[in-house]
């Protein structure tokens, strides 16, 4: 029972983080002066153009 709950929670966390990464990969920074470089691994979450 405990194992099923843990797996269910883990799937939810993974889903939420993937959604956040997709939004972040397709957004720009709100900072006017400095926008840090995005890691190359973030590119796999970008929308195809």
PDB file of N, CA and C in Angstrom:
ATOM      1  N   UNK A   1       0.825  -1.196   0.000  1.00  0.00           N
ATOM      2  CA  UNK A   1       0.000   0.000   0.000  1.00  0.00           C
ATOM      3  C   UNK A   1       0.868   1.260   0.000  1.00  0.00           C
ATOM      4  N   UNK A   2       1.858   1.276   0.887  1.00  0.00           N
ATOM      5  CA  UNK A   2       2.734   2.440   0.999  1.00  0.00           C
ATOM      6  C   UNK A   2       3.521   2.648  -0.298  1.00  0.00           C
ATOM      7  N   UNK A   3       3.929   1.531  -0.928  1.00  0.00           N
ATOM      8  CA  UNK A   3       4.682   1.600  -2.175  1.00  0.00           C
ATOM      9  C   UNK A   3       3.832   2.195  -3.297  1.00  0.00           C
ATOM     10  N   UNK A   4       2.540   1.852  -3.345  1.00  0.00           N
ATOM     11  CA  UNK A   4       1.645   2.392  -4.366  1.00  0.00           C
ATOM     12  C   UNK A   4       1.470   3.898  -4.200  1.00  0.00           C
ATOM     13  N   UNK A   5       1.351   4.333  -2.966  1.00  0.00           N
ATOM     14  CA  UNK A   5       1.189   5.755  -2.674  1.00  0.00           C
ATOM     15  C   UNK A   5       2.452   6.516  -3.079  1.00  0.00           C
ATOM     16  N   UNK A   6       3.608   5.950  -2.754  1.00  0.00           N
ATOM     17  CA  UNK A   6       4.875   6.593  -3.107  1.00  0.00           C
ATOM     18  C   UNK A   6       5.024   6.723  -4.615  1.00  0.00           C
ATOM     19  N   UNK A   7       4.679   5.685  -5.355  1.00  0.00           N
ATOM     20  CA  UNK A   7       4.772   5.730  -6.820  1.00  0.00           C
ATOM     21  C   UNK A   7       3.794   6.746  -7.394  1.00  0.00           C
ATOM     22  N   UNK A   8       2.619   6.827  -6.810  1.00  0.00           N
ATOM     23  CA  UNK A   8       1.619   7.780  -7.276  1.00  0.00           C
ATOM     24  C   UNK A   8       2.090   9.216  -7.053  1.00  0.00           C
ATOM     25  N   UNK A   9       2.644   9.469  -5.893  1.00  0.00           N
ATOM     26  CA  UNK A   9       3.157  10.809  -5.590  1.00  0.00           C
ATOM     27  C   UNK A   9       4.335  11.143  -6.501  1.00  0.00           C
ATOM     28  N   UNK A  10       5.211  10.173  -6.731  1.00  0.00           N
ATOM     29  CA  UNK A  10       6.373  10.393  -7.593  1.00  0.00           C
ATOM     30  C   UNK A  10       5.933  10.734  -9.018  1.00  0.00           C
ATOM     31  N   UNK A  11       4.917  10.053  -9.527  1.00  0.00           N
ATOM     32  CA  UNK A  11       4.412  10.354 -10.879  1.00  0.00           C
ATOM     33  C   UNK A  11       3.847  11.770 -10.944  1.00  0.00           C
ATOM     34  N   UNK A  12       3.157  12.187  -9.913  1.00  0.00           N
ATOM     35  CA  UNK A  12       2.607  13.537  -9.870  1.00  0.00           C
ATOM     36  C   UNK A  12       3.694  14.599  -9.841  1.00  0.00           C
ATOM     37  N   UNK A  13       4.741  14.347  -9.058  1.00  0.00           N
ATOM     38  CA  UNK A  13       5.854  15.298  -8.976  1.00  0.00           C
ATOM     39  C   UNK A  13       6.572  15.385 -10.316  1.00  0.00           C
ATOM     40  N   UNK A  14       6.801  14.259 -10.962  1.00  0.00           N
ATOM     41  CA  UNK A  14       7.463  14.253 -12.270  1.00  0.00           C
ATOM     42  C   UNK A  14       6.624  15.015 -13.284  1.00  0.00           C
ATOM     43  N   UNK A  15       5.341  14.819 -13.280  1.00  0.00           N
ATOM     44  CA  UNK A  15       4.448  15.520 -14.194  1.00  0.00           C
ATOM     45  C   UNK A  15       4.489  17.030 -13.962  1.00  0.00           C
ATOM     46  N   UNK A  16       4.448  17.437 -12.703  1.00  0.00           N
ATOM     47  CA  UNK A  16       4.488  18.868 -12.381  1.00  0.00           C
ATOM     48  C   UNK A  16       5.815  19.489 -12.802  1.00  0.00           C
ATOM     49  N   UNK A  17       6.914  18.805 -12.547  1.00  0.00           N
ATOM     50  CA  UNK A  17       8.227  19.335 -12.929  1.00  0.00           C
ATOM     51  C   UNK A  17       8.399  19.405 -14.441  1.00  0.00           C
ATOM     52  N   UNK A  18       7.902  18.407 -15.167  1.00  0.00           N
ATOM     53  CA  UNK A  18       7.974  18.452 -16.630  1.00  0.00           C
ATOM     54  C   UNK A  18       7.174  19.623 -17.177  1.00  0.00           C
ATOM     55  N   UNK A  19       6.014  19.879 -16.603  1.00  0.00           N
ATOM     56  CA  UNK A  19       5.199  21.020 -17.024  1.00  0.00           C
ATOM     57  C   UNK A  19       5.937  22.325 -16.763  1.00  0.00           C
ATOM     58  N   UNK A  20       6.535  22.458 -15.586  1.00  0.00           N
ATOM     59  CA  UNK A  20       7.287  23.657 -15.258  1.00  0.00           C
ATOM     60  C   UNK A  20       8.461  23.848 -16.218  1.00  0.00           C
ATOM     61  N   UNK A  21       9.183  22.771 -16.541  1.00  0.00           N
ATOM     62  CA  UNK A  21      10.320  22.874 -17.453  1.00  0.00           C
ATOM     63  C   UNK A  21       9.878  23.289 -18.851  1.00  0.00           C
ATOM     64  N   UNK A  22       8.741  22.769 -19.327  1.00  0.00           N
ATOM     65  CA  UNK A  22       8.246  23.161 -20.651  1.00  0.00           C
ATOM     66  C   UNK A  22       7.885  24.648 -20.673  1.00  0.00           C
ATOM     67  N   UNK A  23       7.246  25.133 -19.631  1.00  0.00           N
ATOM     68  CA  UNK A  23       6.887  26.550 -19.556  1.00  0.00           C
ATOM     69  C   UNK A  23       8.150  27.403 -19.497  1.00  0.00           C
ATOM     70  N   UNK A  24       9.111  26.988 -18.686  1.00  0.00           N
ATOM     71  CA  UNK A  24      10.344  27.745 -18.527  1.00  0.00           C
ATOM     72  C   UNK A  24      11.185  27.739 -19.806  1.00  0.00           C
ATOM     73  N   UNK A  25      11.203  26.634 -20.522  1.00  0.00           N
ATOM     74  CA  UNK A  25      11.988  26.533 -21.753  1.00  0.00           C
ATOM     75  C   UNK A  25      11.417  27.422 -22.855  1.00  0.00           C
ATOM     76  N   UNK A  26      10.137  27.713 -22.794  1.00  0.00           N
ATOM     77  CA  UNK A  26       9.483  28.505 -23.829  1.00  0.00           C
ATOM     78  C   UNK A  26       9.202  29.936 -23.373  1.00  0.00           C
ATOM     79  N   UNK A  27       9.853  30.368 -22.305  1.00  0.00           N
ATOM     80  CA  UNK A  27       9.653  31.711 -21.774  1.00  0.00           C
ATOM     81  C   UNK A  27      10.962  32.491 -21.847  1.00  0.00           C
ATOM     82  N   UNK A  28      10.825  33.782 -21.728  1.00  0.00           N
ATOM     83  CA  UNK A  28      12.016  34.612 -21.622  1.00  0.00           C
ATOM     84  C   UNK A  28      12.119  35.140 -20.204  1.00  0.00           C
ATOM     85  N   UNK A  29      13.260  35.642 -19.880  1.00  0.00           N
ATOM     86  CA  UNK A  29      13.481  36.175 -18.549  1.00  0.00           C
ATOM     87  C   UNK A  29      12.782  37.523 -18.407  1.00  0.00           C
ATOM     88  N   UNK A  30      12.340  37.834 -17.205  1.00  0.00           N
ATOM     89  CA  UNK A  30      11.705  39.126 -16.970  1.00  0.00           C
ATOM     90  C   UNK A  30      12.737  40.185 -16.609  1.00  0.00           C
ATOM     91  N   UNK A  31      13.974  39.782 -16.477  1.00  0.00           N
ATOM     92  CA  UNK A  31      15.038  40.712 -16.120  1.00  0.00           C
ATOM     93  C   UNK A  31      15.515  41.448 -17.374  1.00  0.00           C
ATOM     94  N   UNK A  32      15.594  42.753 -17.311  1.00  0.00           N
ATOM     95  CA  UNK A  32      15.930  43.554 -18.483  1.00  0.00           C
ATOM     96  C   UNK A  32      17.432  43.525 -18.766  1.00  0.00           C
ATOM     97  N   UNK A  33      18.246  43.618 -17.747  1.00  0.00           N
ATOM     98  CA  UNK A  33      19.683  43.792 -17.943  1.00  0.00           C
ATOM     99  C   UNK A  33      20.406  42.468 -18.171  1.00  0.00           C
ATOM    100  N   UNK A  34      20.073  41.451 -17.438  1.00  0.00           N
ATOM    101  CA  UNK A  34      20.837  40.212 -17.475  1.00  0.00           C
ATOM    102  C   UNK A  34      19.909  39.012 -17.613  1.00  0.00           C
ATOM    103  N   UNK A  35      20.142  38.206 -18.639  1.00  0.00           N
ATOM    104  CA  UNK A  35      19.407  36.958 -18.795  1.00  0.00           C
ATOM    105  C   UNK A  35      20.437  35.833 -18.860  1.00  0.00           C
ATOM    106  N   UNK A  36      20.496  34.986 -17.843  1.00  0.00           N
ATOM    107  CA  UNK A  36      21.509  33.925 -17.830  1.00  0.00           C
ATOM    108  C   UNK A  36      21.281  32.917 -18.953  1.00  0.00           C
ATOM    109  N   UNK A  37      22.350  32.250 -19.358  1.00  0.00           N
ATOM    110  CA  UNK A  37      22.270  31.218 -20.389  1.00  0.00           C
ATOM    111  C   UNK A  37      21.512  30.012 -19.835  1.00  0.00           C
ATOM    112  N   UNK A  38      20.633  29.482 -20.656  1.00  0.00           N
ATOM    113  CA  UNK A  38      19.890  28.285 -20.257  1.00  0.00           C
ATOM    114  C   UNK A  38      20.776  27.064 -20.481  1.00  0.00           C
ATOM    115  N   UNK A  39      20.677  26.061 -19.630  1.00  0.00           N
ATOM    116  CA  UNK A  39      21.446  24.838 -19.840  1.00  0.00           C
ATOM    117  C   UNK A  39      21.013  24.145 -21.132  1.00  0.00           C
ATOM    118  N   UNK A  40      21.940  23.457 -21.791  1.00  0.00           N
ATOM    119  CA  UNK A  40      21.639  22.772 -23.055  1.00  0.00           C
ATOM    120  C   UNK A  40      20.575  21.688 -22.866  1.00  0.00           C
ATOM    121  N   UNK A  41      20.521  21.097 -21.681  1.00  0.00           N
ATOM    122  CA  UNK A  41      19.544  20.033 -21.427  1.00  0.00           C
ATOM    123  C   UNK A  41      18.111  20.550 -21.464  1.00  0.00           C
ATOM    124  N   UNK A  42      17.931  21.849 -21.282  1.00  0.00           N
ATOM    125  CA  UNK A  42      16.597  22.440 -21.286  1.00  0.00           C
ATOM    126  C   UNK A  42      16.008  22.474 -22.694  1.00  0.00           C
ATOM    127  N   UNK A  43      16.841  22.363 -23.710  1.00  0.00           N
ATOM    128  CA  UNK A  43      16.391  22.436 -25.097  1.00  0.00           C
ATOM    129  C   UNK A  43      15.423  21.306 -25.464  1.00  0.00           C
ATOM    130  N   UNK A  44      15.524  20.166 -24.821  1.00  0.00           N
ATOM    131  CA  UNK A  44      14.629  19.055 -25.167  1.00  0.00           C
ATOM    132  C   UNK A  44      13.183  19.314 -24.749  1.00  0.00           C
ATOM    133  N   UNK A  45      12.939  20.335 -23.934  1.00  0.00           N
ATOM    134  CA  UNK A  45      11.595  20.668 -23.488  1.00  0.00           C
ATOM    135  C   UNK A  45      10.976  21.794 -24.323  1.00  0.00           C
ATOM    136  N   UNK A  46      11.714  22.334 -25.302  1.00  0.00           N
ATOM    137  CA  UNK A  46      11.189  23.427 -26.115  1.00  0.00           C
ATOM    138  C   UNK A  46      10.185  22.918 -27.137  1.00  0.00           C
ATOM    139  N   UNK A  47       9.294  23.824 -27.527  1.00  0.00           N
ATOM    140  CA  UNK A  47       8.324  23.505 -28.561  1.00  0.00           C
ATOM    141  C   UNK A  47       9.045  23.394 -29.903  1.00  0.00           C
ATOM    142  N   UNK A  48       8.614  22.475 -30.736  1.00  0.00           N
ATOM    143  CA  UNK A  48       9.163  22.368 -32.087  1.00  0.00           C
ATOM    144  C   UNK A  48       8.561  23.482 -32.939  1.00  0.00           C
ATOM    145  N   UNK A  49       9.387  24.116 -33.718  1.00  0.00           N
ATOM    146  CA  UNK A  49       8.910  25.205 -34.564  1.00  0.00           C
ATOM    147  C   UNK A  49       8.826  24.784 -35.996  1.00  0.00           C
TER     148      UNK A  49
END
